Protein backbone atom coordinates (compact mmCIF):
# COMPACT_ATOMS: atom_id res chain seq x y z
CA MET A 1 -13.96 30.42 159.80
CA ARG A 2 -12.81 27.43 157.76
CA TRP A 3 -13.53 27.51 154.02
CA PRO A 4 -15.95 24.59 153.54
CA TRP A 5 -15.02 23.40 150.09
CA PRO A 6 -13.50 22.81 147.50
CA SER A 7 -10.08 21.67 148.63
CA HIS A 8 -6.83 23.33 147.68
CA SER A 9 -5.83 20.27 145.64
CA TYR A 10 -8.94 20.82 143.54
CA MET A 11 -8.09 24.49 143.25
CA SER A 12 -4.51 23.80 142.13
CA GLN A 13 -5.77 21.39 139.46
CA HIS A 14 -8.57 23.56 138.13
CA ALA A 15 -7.78 27.17 138.93
CA CYS A 16 -6.94 29.52 136.12
CA ARG A 17 -3.31 29.25 135.08
CA PRO A 18 -1.48 31.69 132.79
CA GLY A 19 -2.71 31.24 129.25
CA ARG A 20 -5.83 29.33 130.34
CA ARG A 21 -9.38 30.46 130.82
CA ALA A 22 -11.00 30.28 134.22
CA ASN A 23 -12.82 27.05 134.94
CA PRO A 24 -16.54 27.94 135.13
CA ARG A 25 -17.22 24.92 137.37
CA TRP A 26 -14.69 26.19 139.91
CA GLN A 27 -16.27 29.65 139.85
CA HIS A 28 -19.74 28.16 140.41
CA LEU A 29 -18.50 25.98 143.26
CA THR A 30 -16.76 28.92 144.88
CA GLY A 31 -19.86 31.10 144.55
CA ALA A 32 -22.18 28.45 146.00
CA ALA A 33 -19.83 27.77 148.92
CA ALA A 34 -19.48 31.51 149.58
CA GLU A 35 -23.28 31.91 149.61
CA ASP A 36 -23.59 29.03 152.09
CA LEU A 37 -20.94 30.59 154.30
CA VAL A 38 -22.62 34.01 154.21
CA ALA A 39 -26.04 32.46 154.93
CA ARG A 40 -24.65 30.82 158.09
CA HIS A 41 -22.89 34.08 159.03
CA LEU A 42 -26.14 36.06 158.74
CA GLU A 43 -28.19 33.44 160.60
CA ASP A 44 -25.64 33.60 163.44
CA ARG A 45 -26.38 37.34 163.63
CA GLY A 46 -30.15 36.89 163.94
CA CYS A 47 -31.26 37.14 160.32
CA ARG A 48 -33.60 34.64 158.74
CA ILE A 49 -33.05 33.40 155.21
CA VAL A 50 -36.16 34.09 153.12
CA ALA A 51 -34.85 32.95 149.71
CA ARG A 52 -31.62 31.83 148.07
CA ARG A 53 -30.51 32.25 144.46
CA PHE A 54 -33.69 33.99 143.29
CA ARG A 55 -33.55 34.41 139.52
CA CYS A 56 -35.73 36.25 137.09
CA LYS A 57 -35.40 37.49 133.53
CA GLY A 58 -33.65 40.72 134.48
CA GLY A 59 -31.24 39.54 137.16
CA GLU A 60 -30.62 37.44 140.22
CA ILE A 61 -30.31 37.83 143.97
CA ASP A 62 -27.94 35.61 145.94
CA LEU A 63 -29.75 35.85 149.29
CA VAL A 64 -32.93 37.49 150.53
CA VAL A 65 -32.90 37.83 154.31
CA GLY A 66 -35.19 39.19 156.97
CA ASP A 67 -33.31 41.44 159.38
CA GLY A 68 -35.94 42.44 161.89
CA GLU A 69 -38.63 44.32 159.96
CA VAL A 70 -36.32 44.96 156.99
CA THR A 71 -36.02 42.79 153.89
CA ALA A 72 -32.39 42.78 152.73
CA PHE A 73 -31.27 41.72 149.27
CA VAL A 74 -27.71 40.44 149.66
CA GLU A 75 -25.14 40.22 146.88
CA VAL A 76 -22.32 37.81 147.75
CA LYS A 77 -18.85 38.40 146.32
CA ALA A 78 -15.90 36.08 146.96
CA ARG A 79 -12.27 36.86 146.25
CA ARG A 80 -9.09 34.87 146.72
CA SER A 81 -7.03 38.06 146.77
CA SER A 82 -7.45 41.82 146.61
CA ARG A 83 -5.17 41.99 143.57
CA PHE A 84 -8.01 43.31 141.41
CA GLY A 85 -9.63 45.39 144.15
CA HIS A 86 -11.96 44.78 147.06
CA ALA A 87 -14.85 42.40 146.44
CA ALA A 88 -17.43 45.14 147.04
CA GLU A 89 -15.98 47.11 144.11
CA ALA A 90 -17.25 44.36 141.80
CA VAL A 91 -20.82 45.52 142.44
CA THR A 92 -20.92 47.98 139.56
CA SER A 93 -23.75 50.31 138.59
CA ARG A 94 -24.89 47.75 136.01
CA LYS A 95 -24.99 45.03 138.69
CA ARG A 96 -26.91 47.36 141.04
CA ARG A 97 -29.53 47.97 138.34
CA ARG A 98 -29.90 44.21 137.77
CA LEU A 99 -30.25 43.65 141.52
CA ALA A 100 -33.00 46.29 141.66
CA ILE A 101 -34.87 44.59 138.80
CA ALA A 102 -34.62 41.22 140.54
CA ALA A 103 -35.69 42.75 143.87
CA ARG A 104 -38.82 44.23 142.30
CA ALA A 105 -39.62 40.87 140.70
CA PHE A 106 -39.11 39.10 144.04
CA LEU A 107 -41.39 41.56 145.85
CA ARG A 108 -44.11 41.01 143.23
CA THR A 109 -44.12 37.30 144.15
CA ARG A 110 -44.94 38.05 147.81
CA ASP A 111 -48.49 38.20 149.15
CA ARG A 112 -47.91 41.12 151.50
CA PRO A 113 -46.42 44.58 151.03
CA PRO A 114 -42.67 44.56 151.51
CA GLY A 115 -42.14 47.20 154.18
CA ARG A 116 -38.60 48.57 154.30
CA CYS A 117 -35.99 47.11 151.96
CA ARG A 118 -32.25 47.55 151.55
CA PHE A 119 -29.37 46.22 149.49
CA ASP A 120 -26.43 44.62 151.28
CA VAL A 121 -23.13 43.26 150.03
CA ALA A 122 -21.36 40.36 151.72
CA CYS A 123 -17.68 40.01 150.85
CA VAL A 124 -15.91 36.70 151.41
CA GLU A 125 -12.13 36.82 151.40
CA LEU A 126 -10.24 33.56 151.05
CA ARG A 127 -6.70 33.36 152.38
CA ALA A 128 -4.69 30.23 153.20
CA GLY A 129 -7.76 28.01 153.43
CA ARG A 130 -9.57 30.39 155.78
CA ALA A 131 -12.52 32.60 154.92
CA SER A 132 -13.59 35.89 156.44
CA VAL A 133 -16.96 37.53 155.85
CA GLU A 134 -17.53 41.28 155.75
CA TRP A 135 -21.22 42.23 155.77
CA ILE A 136 -21.91 45.74 154.43
CA ARG A 137 -25.45 46.74 155.38
CA ASP A 138 -27.26 49.24 153.17
CA ALA A 139 -24.33 49.20 150.75
CA PHE A 140 -26.10 51.18 148.04
CA ARG A 141 -29.42 52.70 147.07
CA VAL A 142 -31.25 52.49 143.77
């Protein structure tokens, strides 16, 4: 799958260089593009997107999808390399707690009872301008 954006020239100009802090705009652009890529990936596999970038006081959820009768709360993680570990390892216990808080807040906004719910992690790996998506269903329980 081709990485949609931003271009490598943008990355070379704005990526973090030794002695410089990471460019927050680049991180935001990468995160938004990764979420778009994962949303298309999940739709291709029969899921329907219920909500994107749901935020509340206690946390945020990148994607909420319907997978059959199950509501899945999906955390999207993108990495350009595995130098600092696999993308799924970035979903720490603190992040899991914040996801659970946001999931409860999201479910309170719905008119009907939620049914079954689960937490998924979607890892996007970027290499040489190509992106691969790994979807981990039921990645953790809270």
